[in-house]
Protein backbone atom coordinates (compact mmCIF):
# COMPACT_ATOMS: atom_id res chain seq x y z
CA UNK A 1 0.00 0.00 0.00
CA UNK A 2 1.18 3.61 -0.50
CA UNK A 3 2.90 5.30 2.42
CA UNK A 4 1.10 8.23 4.06
CA UNK A 5 3.26 10.83 5.78
CA UNK A 6 2.02 11.11 9.41
CA UNK A 7 2.19 14.91 9.50
CA UNK A 8 -0.23 15.37 12.39
CA UNK A 9 1.83 12.91 14.45
CA UNK A 10 4.99 14.97 13.98
CA UNK A 11 3.22 18.21 14.88
CA UNK A 12 1.76 16.64 18.00
CA UNK A 13 4.97 14.94 19.11
CA UNK A 14 7.14 18.01 18.61
CA UNK A 15 4.84 19.73 21.09
CA UNK A 16 5.01 16.80 23.53
CA UNK A 17 8.83 16.70 23.55
CA UNK A 18 9.21 20.45 24.05
CA UNK A 19 10.15 21.78 20.62
CA UNK A 20 8.69 25.14 21.65
CA UNK A 21 11.84 25.70 23.70
CA UNK A 22 13.94 25.29 20.56
CA UNK A 23 11.82 27.76 18.58
CA UNK A 24 12.10 30.24 21.46
CA UNK A 25 15.90 30.47 21.13
CA UNK A 26 17.55 33.18 19.07
CA UNK A 27 19.31 30.64 16.88
CA UNK A 28 16.11 28.90 15.79
CA UNK A 29 13.61 31.76 16.12
CA UNK A 30 12.47 31.31 12.53
CA UNK A 31 11.29 27.75 13.23
CA UNK A 32 7.77 28.89 14.06
CA UNK A 33 4.88 26.39 14.15
CA UNK A 34 3.59 27.61 10.78
CA UNK A 35 7.02 27.43 9.16
CA UNK A 36 7.72 23.95 10.50
CA UNK A 37 4.28 22.72 9.45
CA UNK A 38 4.82 24.05 5.91
CA UNK A 39 8.25 22.40 5.68
CA UNK A 40 6.97 19.07 6.90
CA UNK A 41 4.00 19.22 4.55
CA UNK A 42 6.24 19.74 1.51
CA UNK A 43 8.62 17.03 2.68
CA UNK A 44 5.71 14.67 3.21
CA UNK A 45 4.49 15.20 -0.35
CA UNK A 46 7.94 14.39 -1.70
CA UNK A 47 8.37 11.29 0.45
CA UNK A 48 5.04 9.88 -0.61
CA UNK A 49 6.18 10.07 -4.24
CA UNK A 50 9.38 8.15 -3.38
CA UNK A 51 7.52 5.09 -2.06
CA UNK A 52 7.65 3.06 -5.32
CA UNK A 53 11.47 3.16 -5.17
CA UNK A 54 11.41 0.90 -2.11
CA UNK A 55 10.32 -2.16 -4.07
CA UNK A 56 12.36 -1.18 -7.12
CA UNK A 57 15.53 -1.13 -5.03
CA UNK A 58 14.75 -4.50 -3.49
CA UNK A 59 13.94 -6.23 -6.78
CA UNK A 60 16.70 -4.57 -8.79
CA UNK A 61 19.72 -4.14 -6.49
CA UNK A 62 22.61 -1.79 -7.10
CA UNK A 63 25.32 -3.59 -9.07
CA UNK A 64 28.95 -3.16 -10.05
CA UNK A 65 29.61 -3.25 -13.81
CA UNK A 66 33.16 -2.82 -15.10
CA UNK A 67 34.10 -0.80 -12.04
CA UNK A 68 31.01 1.42 -12.22
CA UNK A 69 28.21 1.27 -9.65
CA UNK A 70 24.81 1.17 -11.33
CA UNK A 71 22.04 2.20 -8.98
CA UNK A 72 18.50 0.85 -8.85
CA UNK A 73 15.83 2.07 -11.30
CA UNK A 74 14.47 5.45 -10.31
CA UNK A 75 17.06 6.13 -7.62
CA UNK A 76 18.85 8.81 -9.65
CA UNK A 77 15.60 10.69 -10.20
CA UNK A 78 14.58 10.23 -6.58
CA UNK A 79 17.92 11.53 -5.35
CA UNK A 80 17.71 14.57 -7.62
CA UNK A 81 14.27 15.37 -6.21
CA UNK A 82 15.71 15.22 -2.69
CA UNK A 83 18.74 17.34 -3.60
CA UNK A 84 16.96 20.02 -5.62
CA UNK A 85 14.38 20.39 -2.86
CA UNK A 86 17.16 21.34 -0.45
CA UNK A 87 16.44 18.41 1.85
CA UNK A 88 20.09 17.30 2.17
CA UNK A 89 21.32 20.50 3.80
CA UNK A 90 18.35 21.33 5.99
CA UNK A 91 20.36 21.75 9.19
CA UNK A 92 23.60 22.92 7.56
CA UNK A 93 24.84 26.44 8.13
CA UNK A 94 23.35 29.13 5.86
CA UNK A 95 26.96 30.28 5.36
CA UNK A 96 27.37 27.27 3.04
CA UNK A 97 23.89 27.27 1.53
CA UNK A 98 22.07 25.28 4.18
CA UNK A 99 18.72 26.16 5.74
CA UNK A 100 20.04 26.31 9.31
CA UNK A 101 16.97 24.45 10.57
CA UNK A 102 16.87 22.57 13.87
CA UNK A 103 17.95 18.94 13.88
CA UNK A 104 14.47 18.20 15.26
CA UNK A 105 12.90 19.24 11.95
CA UNK A 106 15.48 17.37 9.89
CA UNK A 107 14.81 14.30 12.02
CA UNK A 108 11.12 14.42 11.12
CA UNK A 109 11.91 14.72 7.41
CA UNK A 110 14.42 11.86 7.55
CA UNK A 111 11.81 9.77 9.35
CA UNK A 112 9.37 10.24 6.48
CA UNK A 113 12.03 9.65 3.84
CA UNK A 114 13.15 6.44 5.56
CA UNK A 115 9.58 5.17 5.60
CA UNK A 116 9.30 5.82 1.87
CA UNK A 117 12.61 4.22 0.85
CA UNK A 118 15.23 3.45 3.48
CA UNK A 119 17.86 2.36 0.94
CA UNK A 120 17.81 5.75 -0.76
CA UNK A 121 17.44 7.80 2.43
CA UNK A 122 20.69 6.33 3.73
CA UNK A 123 22.56 8.36 1.08
CA UNK A 124 21.60 11.88 2.26
CA UNK A 125 21.90 10.74 5.88
CA UNK A 126 25.58 9.97 5.32
CA UNK A 127 26.08 13.31 3.61
CA UNK A 128 24.39 15.18 6.46
CA UNK A 129 26.76 13.59 8.95
CA UNK A 130 29.75 14.50 6.82
CA UNK A 131 28.62 18.11 6.55
CA UNK A 132 28.45 18.35 10.33
CA UNK A 133 31.90 16.81 10.76
CA UNK A 134 33.39 19.26 8.26
CA UNK A 135 31.64 22.24 9.85
CA UNK A 136 33.19 21.38 13.21
CA UNK A 137 36.67 20.17 12.24
CA UNK A 138 37.76 21.05 8.69
CA UNK A 139 39.91 23.99 7.65
CA UNK A 140 38.19 27.02 6.16
CA UNK A 141 39.56 26.10 2.74
CA UNK A 142 38.11 22.59 2.89
CA UNK A 143 34.80 23.88 4.22
CA UNK A 144 34.39 26.30 1.33
CA UNK A 145 35.48 23.66 -1.17
CA UNK A 146 33.24 20.79 -0.04
CA UNK A 147 30.31 21.86 2.13
CA UNK A 148 28.37 23.91 -0.47
CA UNK A 149 28.53 21.02 -2.94
CA UNK A 150 27.44 18.54 -0.25
CA UNK A 151 24.62 20.81 0.91
CA UNK A 152 23.30 21.23 -2.63
CA UNK A 153 23.47 17.49 -3.23
CA UNK A 154 25.83 17.91 -6.18
CA UNK A 155 28.28 15.73 -4.25
CA UNK A 156 27.63 12.90 -1.79
CA UNK A 157 29.50 12.01 1.39
CA UNK A 158 30.47 8.73 3.06
CA UNK A 159 32.42 7.61 6.10
CA UNK A 160 35.09 4.91 5.97
CA UNK A 161 35.87 3.31 9.33
CA UNK A 162 35.63 -0.45 9.14
CA UNK A 163 38.34 -2.82 7.95
CA UNK A 164 38.32 -6.60 7.91
CA UNK A 165 40.27 -6.73 11.20
CA UNK A 166 38.87 -3.48 12.63
CA UNK A 167 35.13 -3.50 13.17
CA UNK A 168 33.96 -2.27 16.56
CA UNK A 169 37.64 -2.09 17.54
CA UNK A 170 38.35 0.97 15.42
CA UNK A 171 41.77 1.33 17.03
CA UNK A 172 42.95 -1.66 14.98
CA UNK A 173 42.76 0.34 11.73
CA UNK A 174 45.74 -0.34 9.41
CA UNK A 175 45.04 2.06 6.54
CA UNK A 176 48.13 4.27 6.14
CA UNK A 177 48.54 7.96 5.46
CA UNK A 178 51.86 9.43 4.32
CA UNK A 179 52.58 13.13 3.84
CA UNK A 180 53.27 14.13 0.23
CA UNK A 181 55.03 17.37 1.14
CA UNK A 182 52.42 19.66 -0.39
CA UNK A 183 49.92 19.61 2.45
CA UNK A 184 48.20 16.48 1.16
CA UNK A 185 48.58 12.81 2.04
CA UNK A 186 48.71 9.47 0.25
CA UNK A 187 46.06 7.14 1.68
CA UNK A 188 46.57 3.39 1.23
CA UNK A 189 44.35 0.62 2.53
CA UNK A 190 41.05 -1.16 2.19
CA UNK A 191 37.74 -0.37 3.88
CA UNK A 192 34.66 -2.55 4.05
CA UNK A 193 30.94 -2.00 4.66
CA UNK A 194 30.95 1.47 3.11
CA UNK A 195 27.35 2.55 2.63
CA UNK A 196 26.83 4.30 -0.70
CA UNK A 197 30.56 3.98 -1.46
CA UNK A 198 29.78 5.07 -5.01
CA UNK A 199 26.86 5.97 -7.27
CA UNK A 200 26.10 7.00 -10.83
CA UNK A 201 24.14 10.17 -10.15
CA UNK A 202 26.34 12.63 -8.21
CA UNK A 203 29.24 14.65 -9.54
CA UNK A 204 31.59 13.42 -6.82
CA UNK A 205 31.70 11.06 -3.87
CA UNK A 206 33.60 12.46 -0.89
CA UNK A 207 35.01 9.88 1.50
CA UNK A 208 35.97 10.62 5.09
CA UNK A 209 38.63 8.00 5.79
CA UNK A 210 40.26 6.97 9.06
CA UNK A 211 43.97 6.25 8.59
CA UNK A 212 47.17 6.17 10.62
CA UNK A 213 50.13 8.49 10.10
CA UNK A 214 53.65 6.95 10.41
CA UNK A 215 54.15 8.52 13.84
CA UNK A 216 50.67 7.69 15.08
CA UNK A 217 50.62 5.71 18.34
CA UNK A 218 48.75 2.43 18.60
CA UNK A 219 45.02 2.41 19.22
CA UNK A 220 42.45 5.12 18.66
CA UNK A 221 44.83 7.85 19.84
CA UNK A 222 46.92 7.38 16.71
CA UNK A 223 44.15 7.68 14.13
CA UNK A 224 43.69 10.68 11.84
CA UNK A 225 40.81 11.65 9.56
CA UNK A 226 41.15 12.53 5.87
CA UNK A 227 38.95 13.78 3.08
CA UNK A 228 39.57 11.56 0.07
CA UNK A 229 37.37 12.48 -2.92
CA UNK A 230 36.62 10.19 -5.83
CA UNK A 231 37.37 13.09 -8.18
CA UNK A 232 40.03 15.61 -7.10
CA UNK A 233 38.57 19.13 -7.27
CA UNK A 234 40.40 21.64 -9.45
CA UNK A 235 41.17 25.22 -8.42
CA UNK A 236 37.60 26.25 -9.22
CA UNK A 237 36.08 23.47 -7.16
CA UNK A 238 34.99 21.37 -10.11
CA UNK A 239 35.62 17.61 -10.22
CA UNK A 240 38.99 17.09 -11.91
CA UNK A 241 41.28 14.09 -12.18
CA UNK A 242 40.14 10.69 -10.94
CA UNK A 243 41.70 9.78 -7.60
CA UNK A 244 43.43 6.43 -7.11
CA UNK A 245 40.57 4.70 -5.34
CA UNK A 246 37.96 2.26 -6.55
CA UNK A 247 35.13 -0.04 -5.56
CA UNK A 248 36.41 -3.61 -5.26
CA UNK A 249 32.99 -5.21 -4.85
CA UNK A 250 29.48 -4.73 -3.52
CA UNK A 251 28.18 -6.87 -0.67
CA UNK A 252 25.28 -9.31 -1.15
CA UNK A 253 23.05 -8.42 1.77
CA UNK A 254 19.98 -9.62 3.62
CA UNK A 255 18.21 -6.37 2.78
CA UNK A 256 18.71 -2.75 1.72
CA UNK A 257 19.52 -4.04 -1.75
CA UNK A 258 19.11 -0.61 -3.30
CA UNK A 259 21.91 0.81 -1.15
CA UNK A 260 25.33 -0.20 -2.52
CA UNK A 261 27.57 -1.35 0.35
CA UNK A 262 31.10 -1.27 -1.00
CA UNK A 263 34.54 -2.63 -0.36
CA UNK A 264 36.74 0.40 -1.07
CA UNK A 265 40.40 0.23 -2.10
CA UNK A 266 42.71 3.23 -1.68
CA UNK A 267 46.05 3.07 -3.51
CA UNK A 268 48.07 6.13 -2.46
CA UNK A 269 44.90 8.15 -3.02
CA UNK A 270 45.28 11.87 -2.42
CA UNK A 271 43.67 13.06 0.77
CA UNK A 272 43.45 16.15 2.96
CA UNK A 273 43.72 16.09 6.76
CA UNK A 274 40.57 16.96 8.68
CA UNK A 275 41.34 18.48 12.07
CA UNK A 276 44.58 17.75 13.88
CA UNK A 277 46.89 14.77 13.38
CA UNK A 278 45.99 11.79 15.58
CA UNK A 279 42.65 13.41 16.51
CA UNK A 280 40.58 11.67 13.87
CA UNK A 281 38.27 9.83 16.22
CA UNK A 282 37.03 13.05 17.79
CA UNK A 283 36.17 14.38 14.34
CA UNK A 284 34.63 11.13 13.19
CA UNK A 285 32.50 10.86 16.31
CA UNK A 286 30.85 14.13 15.32
CA UNK A 287 29.62 12.36 12.22
CA UNK A 288 28.89 9.10 14.04
CA UNK A 289 26.78 10.74 16.75
CA UNK A 290 24.76 12.49 14.08
CA UNK A 291 24.36 9.16 12.33
CA UNK A 292 23.39 7.33 15.52
CA UNK A 293 20.32 9.46 16.02
CA UNK A 294 19.64 9.22 12.29
CA UNK A 295 19.90 5.43 12.31
CA UNK A 296 17.66 5.20 15.37
CA UNK A 297 15.04 7.12 13.43
CA UNK A 298 15.56 4.84 10.44
CA UNK A 299 14.30 2.07 12.70
CA UNK A 300 11.28 4.19 13.58
CA UNK A 301 10.73 5.02 9.91
CA UNK A 302 10.56 1.37 8.85
CA UNK A 303 8.38 0.58 11.85
CA UNK A 304 5.95 3.28 10.73
CA UNK A 305 5.79 1.90 7.19
CA UNK A 306 5.41 -1.68 8.45
CA UNK A 307 2.62 -0.61 10.82
CA UNK A 308 0.74 1.28 8.13
CA UNK A 309 0.83 -1.73 5.83
CA UNK A 310 -0.13 -4.20 8.56
CA UNK A 311 -3.04 -2.02 9.69
CA UNK A 312 -4.36 -1.71 6.15
CA UNK A 313 -4.06 -5.46 5.59
CA UNK A 314 -5.76 -6.29 8.89
CA UNK A 315 -8.70 -4.04 8.08
CA UNK A 316 -9.21 -5.64 4.66
CA UNK A 317 -8.37 -9.29 5.28
CA UNK A 318 -11.40 -11.47 6.03
CA UNK A 319 -10.67 -14.61 8.03
CA UNK A 320 -12.93 -16.58 10.37
CA UNK A 321 -15.77 -15.44 12.62
CA UNK A 322 -14.80 -12.33 14.50
CA UNK A 323 -16.24 -11.07 17.81
CA UNK A 324 -17.25 -7.69 16.37
CA UNK A 325 -18.83 -9.21 13.31
CA UNK A 326 -16.90 -7.49 10.52
CA UNK A 327 -15.01 -10.62 9.54
CA UNK A 328 -11.78 -8.60 9.22
CA UNK A 329 -8.85 -9.97 11.18
CA UNK A 330 -8.43 -6.67 13.01
CA UNK A 331 -11.36 -7.79 15.16
CA UNK A 332 -9.41 -10.76 16.54
CA UNK A 333 -7.98 -9.97 19.96
CA UNK A 334 -4.46 -11.16 19.18
CA UNK A 335 -4.26 -9.20 15.93
CA UNK A 336 -5.54 -6.12 17.77
CA UNK A 337 -2.85 -6.73 20.40
CA UNK A 338 -0.10 -6.83 17.77
CA UNK A 339 -1.31 -3.68 16.04
CA UNK A 340 -1.63 -1.82 19.34
CA UNK A 341 1.88 -2.86 20.31
CA UNK A 342 3.21 -1.71 16.94
CA UNK A 343 1.58 1.70 17.25
CA UNK A 344 2.58 2.18 20.89
CA UNK A 345 6.19 1.23 20.21
CA UNK A 346 6.46 3.54 17.19
CA UNK A 347 5.15 6.40 19.31
CA UNK A 348 7.59 5.71 22.16
CA UNK A 349 10.65 5.32 19.95
CA UNK A 350 9.80 8.38 17.86
CA UNK A 351 9.25 10.46 20.99
CA UNK A 352 12.62 9.42 22.44
CA UNK A 353 14.36 10.21 19.14
CA UNK A 354 12.73 13.63 18.87
CA UNK A 355 13.51 14.35 22.54
CA UNK A 356 17.14 13.59 21.72
CA UNK A 357 16.98 15.91 18.71
CA UNK A 358 15.49 18.69 20.85
CA UNK A 359 18.33 18.26 23.36
CA UNK A 360 20.88 18.54 20.53
CA UNK A 361 19.19 21.70 19.26
CA UNK A 362 19.05 23.25 22.72
CA UNK A 363 22.71 22.42 23.35
CA UNK A 364 23.66 24.16 20.09
CA UNK A 365 21.43 27.15 20.69
CA UNK A 366 22.37 27.75 24.33
CA UNK A 367 25.76 26.09 24.88
CA UNK A 368 24.27 24.64 28.08
CA UNK A 369 26.28 21.80 29.61
CA UNK A 370 23.07 20.27 30.92
CA UNK A 371 21.53 20.12 27.46
CA UNK A 372 24.75 18.67 26.08
CA UNK A 373 24.66 15.97 28.75
CA UNK A 374 20.98 15.28 27.99
CA UNK A 375 21.73 14.87 24.28
CA UNK A 376 24.67 12.57 25.02
CA UNK A 377 22.59 10.44 27.39
CA UNK A 378 19.66 10.06 25.00
CA UNK A 379 21.72 9.29 21.87
CA UNK A 380 22.49 5.61 22.64
CA UNK A 381 18.92 5.08 23.87
CA UNK A 382 17.45 6.64 20.73
CA UNK A 383 19.73 4.57 18.49
CA UNK A 384 19.27 1.21 20.19
CA UNK A 385 15.61 1.43 21.11
CA UNK A 386 14.69 3.00 17.77
CA UNK A 387 16.31 0.21 15.78
CA UNK A 388 15.09 -2.54 18.12
CA UNK A 389 11.62 -1.10 17.61
CA UNK A 390 12.11 -1.20 13.85
CA UNK A 391 13.10 -4.87 13.97
CA UNK A 392 10.32 -5.87 16.36
CA UNK A 393 7.55 -3.92 14.66
CA UNK A 394 8.56 -5.19 11.22
CA UNK A 395 8.56 -8.72 12.66
CA UNK A 396 5.04 -8.19 14.02
CA UNK A 397 4.03 -6.81 10.63
CA UNK A 398 4.95 -10.11 9.01
CA UNK A 399 2.96 -11.94 11.69
CA UNK A 400 -0.14 -9.80 11.14
CA UNK A 401 -0.02 -10.77 7.47
CA UNK A 402 0.14 -14.45 8.41
CA UNK A 403 1.29 -16.65 5.55
CA UNK A 404 1.14 -13.71 3.16
CA UNK A 405 3.78 -11.98 5.25
CA UNK A 406 6.24 -14.67 4.19
CA UNK A 407 5.48 -13.98 0.53
CA UNK A 408 7.76 -11.34 -0.94
CA UNK A 409 5.09 -9.75 -3.11
CA UNK A 410 3.32 -8.22 -0.09
CA UNK A 411 6.44 -6.26 0.91
CA UNK A 412 6.05 -7.11 4.60
CA UNK A 413 9.16 -9.28 4.58
CA UNK A 414 11.22 -6.53 2.95
CA UNK A 415 10.64 -4.22 5.91
CA UNK A 416 11.99 -6.91 8.22
CA UNK A 417 15.02 -7.59 6.02
CA UNK A 418 15.84 -3.93 5.38
CA UNK A 419 15.65 -2.72 8.97
CA UNK A 420 17.69 -5.56 10.49
CA UNK A 421 21.06 -3.95 9.81
CA UNK A 422 20.14 -0.77 11.68
CA UNK A 423 20.61 -2.60 14.98
CA UNK A 424 24.16 -3.40 13.85
CA UNK A 425 25.68 -0.39 12.14
CA UNK A 426 26.84 2.89 13.72
CA UNK A 427 27.76 0.81 16.75
CA UNK A 428 25.79 -2.33 17.56
CA UNK A 429 23.00 -1.93 20.07
CA UNK A 430 25.07 -3.80 22.63
CA UNK A 431 27.81 -1.20 22.22
CA UNK A 432 25.23 1.57 22.60
CA UNK A 433 24.14 0.00 25.88
CA UNK A 434 27.74 -0.31 27.09
CA UNK A 435 28.29 3.34 26.22
CA UNK A 436 25.21 4.27 28.23
CA UNK A 437 26.29 2.47 31.42
CA UNK A 438 29.95 3.48 31.18
CA UNK A 439 30.86 6.71 29.41
CA UNK A 440 27.43 8.29 29.89
CA UNK A 441 27.58 7.54 33.62
CA UNK A 442 30.91 9.26 34.15
CA UNK A 443 28.90 12.11 35.71
CA UNK A 444 27.82 9.63 38.41
CA UNK A 445 24.32 9.54 36.95
CA UNK A 446 23.53 13.25 37.26
CA UNK A 447 22.07 13.60 33.74
CA UNK A 448 19.97 10.48 34.26
CA UNK A 449 18.74 11.68 37.65
CA UNK A 450 17.65 15.02 36.17
CA UNK A 451 15.65 13.13 33.57
CA UNK A 452 14.02 10.93 36.20
CA UNK A 453 13.12 14.11 38.14
CA UNK A 454 11.32 15.44 35.07
CA UNK A 455 9.47 12.18 34.52
CA UNK A 456 8.27 12.17 38.13
CA UNK A 457 7.32 15.85 38.07
CA UNK A 458 5.22 15.28 34.96
CA UNK A 459 3.61 12.24 36.58
CA UNK A 460 2.69 14.31 39.62
CA UNK A 461 0.98 16.84 37.36
CA UNK A 462 -1.01 14.03 35.72
CA UNK A 463 -2.25 12.43 38.95
CA UNK A 464 -5.44 14.48 38.99
CA UNK A 465 -6.65 13.26 35.57
CA UNK A 466 -4.97 9.87 35.24
CA UNK A 467 -3.97 8.64 38.72
CA UNK A 468 -3.34 5.01 37.78
CA UNK A 469 -1.15 5.81 34.79
CA UNK A 470 0.67 8.60 36.61
CA UNK A 471 1.36 6.37 39.58
CA UNK A 472 2.77 3.61 37.40
CA UNK A 473 5.08 6.02 35.56
CA UNK A 474 6.24 7.66 38.81
CA UNK A 475 7.09 4.29 40.36
CA UNK A 476 8.96 3.17 37.25
CA UNK A 477 11.12 6.31 37.32
CA UNK A 478 11.90 5.74 40.99
CA UNK A 479 12.90 2.15 40.20
CA UNK A 480 15.21 3.43 37.47
CA UNK A 481 16.76 5.89 39.90
CA UNK A 482 17.50 3.13 42.40
CA UNK A 483 18.79 0.83 39.67
CA UNK A 484 21.09 3.58 38.40
CA UNK A 485 22.52 4.11 41.87
CA UNK A 486 23.23 0.39 42.09
CA UNK A 487 24.66 0.26 38.58
CA UNK A 488 27.16 3.04 39.25
CA UNK A 489 28.44 1.13 42.29
CA UNK A 490 29.14 -1.98 40.19
CA UNK A 491 32.46 -2.98 38.63
CA UNK A 492 32.52 -2.18 34.92
CA UNK A 493 32.13 -5.78 33.74
CA UNK A 494 29.03 -6.19 35.89
CA UNK A 495 27.62 -3.02 34.36
CA UNK A 496 28.26 -4.37 30.89
CA UNK A 497 26.47 -7.63 31.72
CA UNK A 498 23.29 -5.68 32.47
CA UNK A 499 23.77 -2.90 29.94
CA UNK A 500 21.24 -4.03 27.33
CA UNK A 501 18.39 -4.64 29.79
CA UNK A 502 19.23 -1.34 31.54
CA UNK A 503 18.93 0.59 28.26
CA UNK A 504 15.70 -1.20 27.43
CA UNK A 505 14.26 -0.43 30.86
CA UNK A 506 15.28 3.23 30.47
CA UNK A 507 13.46 3.35 27.13
CA UNK A 508 10.39 1.69 28.63
CA UNK A 509 10.17 4.37 31.33
CA UNK A 510 10.69 7.21 28.86
CA UNK A 511 8.06 5.67 26.61
CA UNK A 512 5.60 5.56 29.49
CA UNK A 513 6.42 9.19 30.27
CA UNK A 514 5.71 10.39 26.74
CA UNK A 515 2.53 8.32 26.45
CA UNK A 516 1.30 9.89 29.69
CA UNK A 517 2.06 13.38 28.41
CA UNK A 518 0.22 12.58 25.19
CA UNK A 519 -2.87 11.47 27.08
CA UNK A 520 -2.86 14.76 28.99
CA UNK A 521 -2.52 16.76 25.78
CA UNK A 522 -5.13 14.81 23.79
CA UNK A 523 -7.83 12.67 25.45
CA UNK A 524 -8.14 10.75 22.19
CA UNK A 525 -4.77 9.19 22.91
CA UNK A 526 -5.71 7.85 26.32
CA UNK A 527 -6.49 4.33 25.11
CA UNK A 528 -3.06 3.95 23.52
CA UNK A 529 -1.40 5.40 26.62
CA UNK A 530 -3.25 2.91 28.80
CA UNK A 531 -2.12 0.04 26.57
CA UNK A 532 1.51 1.19 26.72
CA UNK A 533 1.47 1.84 30.46
CA UNK A 534 -0.37 -1.29 31.54
CA UNK A 535 1.01 -3.80 29.05
CA UNK A 536 4.47 -2.58 27.98
CA UNK A 537 5.82 -0.41 30.81
CA UNK A 538 5.80 -3.23 33.44
CA UNK A 539 8.59 -4.92 31.50
CA UNK A 540 11.03 -2.54 33.24
CA UNK A 541 10.82 -4.60 36.45
CA UNK A 542 12.07 -7.83 34.91
CA UNK A 543 14.72 -5.93 32.96
CA UNK A 544 16.08 -4.31 36.11
CA UNK A 545 16.17 -7.71 37.81
CA UNK A 546 18.63 -8.74 35.10
CA UNK A 547 20.71 -5.60 35.68
CA UNK A 548 21.15 -6.49 39.34
CA UNK A 549 22.52 -9.95 38.51
CA UNK A 550 25.90 -8.69 37.28
CA UNK A 551 28.30 -10.75 35.19
CA UNK A 552 28.98 -13.83 37.31
CA UNK A 553 26.08 -15.86 36.00
CA UNK A 554 27.02 -15.14 32.40
CA UNK A 555 30.62 -16.30 32.83
CA UNK A 556 29.46 -19.38 34.73
CA UNK A 557 28.24 -20.51 31.31
CA UNK A 558 31.66 -21.49 30.02
CA UNK A 559 32.29 -22.25 26.33
CA UNK A 560 32.25 -25.92 27.32
CA UNK A 561 28.89 -25.55 29.04
CA UNK A 562 27.44 -23.67 26.06
CA UNK A 563 28.62 -26.32 23.61
CA UNK A 564 27.54 -29.31 25.71
């Protein structure tokens, strides 16, 4: 079925997560409700026209022919529509041709675009992350050379981290960089899993590549970041000579067939240093953190599309005698349960992602350390919970379809295949959880405690209208506070053992919080809030029981015991 952009949902949720604070800042004063609504409306119209590309990309994957990447039918036209509409550089600085809009608004647009065609949306997402990295770390000369072309969509951007021996352990990177004596460097090595490593519709592909200088120390502290373009720009900024890099092969993947995932070879390719020598990880993390929120919302985007299709199917499909008499399977209690869970989870994950985006915007607009800490805390939750939601909701979508969900022609299976990788890339969800319980708790839990305070304050305000829901949310936040205190007292390995359930419990509580706020704002949403609070929120208790167990029980299961 065609995708429908949920414009009213974005407008409502932006209000729930406090976007008004962003619009009240000097930096984002032009992001008025009317302006944002107009932007989202135009973006929604575009995204709805991109929907047919989703199946085209799956049925006709990108391919490598004689060293040239040939993209899926319609992708070139779809990309041009995105680029000419200005949707790539929405949040980029106006100094370089961007709109200067809040990340919150860009997040909504990316959500819609990911629902329409995730494989294509991944391309501008990578470029947006590269723009941000260059804005923060590149020299003025490189900024003026590259950012305007990236913002306009004339050129595309990628990031090159992974090597065959260096996946999550980025410090094991072996790609070399040697100074050429003219301010540039020769980059030699091979990178794998490079999303949109090449295409046949942009004038240039600009690769941000992690490599090690000869005097770089071992580990992440010895890694530098380089801009390595496919075509070397001439003095006027036009694509000139072909650089000495090429696509070795494209991966054969479970899903996202329309997005070419390349093995890239660099043979003394000319590159330019981004930032300081040996400080590449700091620069790359700017791009990665942008991408982590973006990937979390990719999960939400696919979940939205899967839910829309499952709901439509359930309303039309006649099967058996139903208690309400329509004959449609939506009347069956278990199908209604699955659809309610899908909708409730999409709402929770989208709210958490947009709350993270608001925190990023407020940190940029105010420079507040508290907002920066809030954004940092919510990023791993938004990424992991958003992508877990995508996988789980797409899985439920297949189940709602029954046997037809296992038939490729319905498209339900594609959602499940496409979204699966989002829980893996930009840092697996386990790594996100470990980041949450380690690096994000270096403040001894202060950012988390402030968030729990807000959840409980909002619950207190809701007690008059919805005492049962408010009480459940308040208690869950108190349980998270106590669990966080216990977590911080644990040795690191014990924290890691409970990291995933801790993150999931955190997301459950935040989801309950946002559902409660939605019920206060709109009585029509009370039924969904009750479902989420009474049926999904209680999961936090069993999750926190796992957190308290530590690592001993896991390591008691030795390799011998596991293989017995």
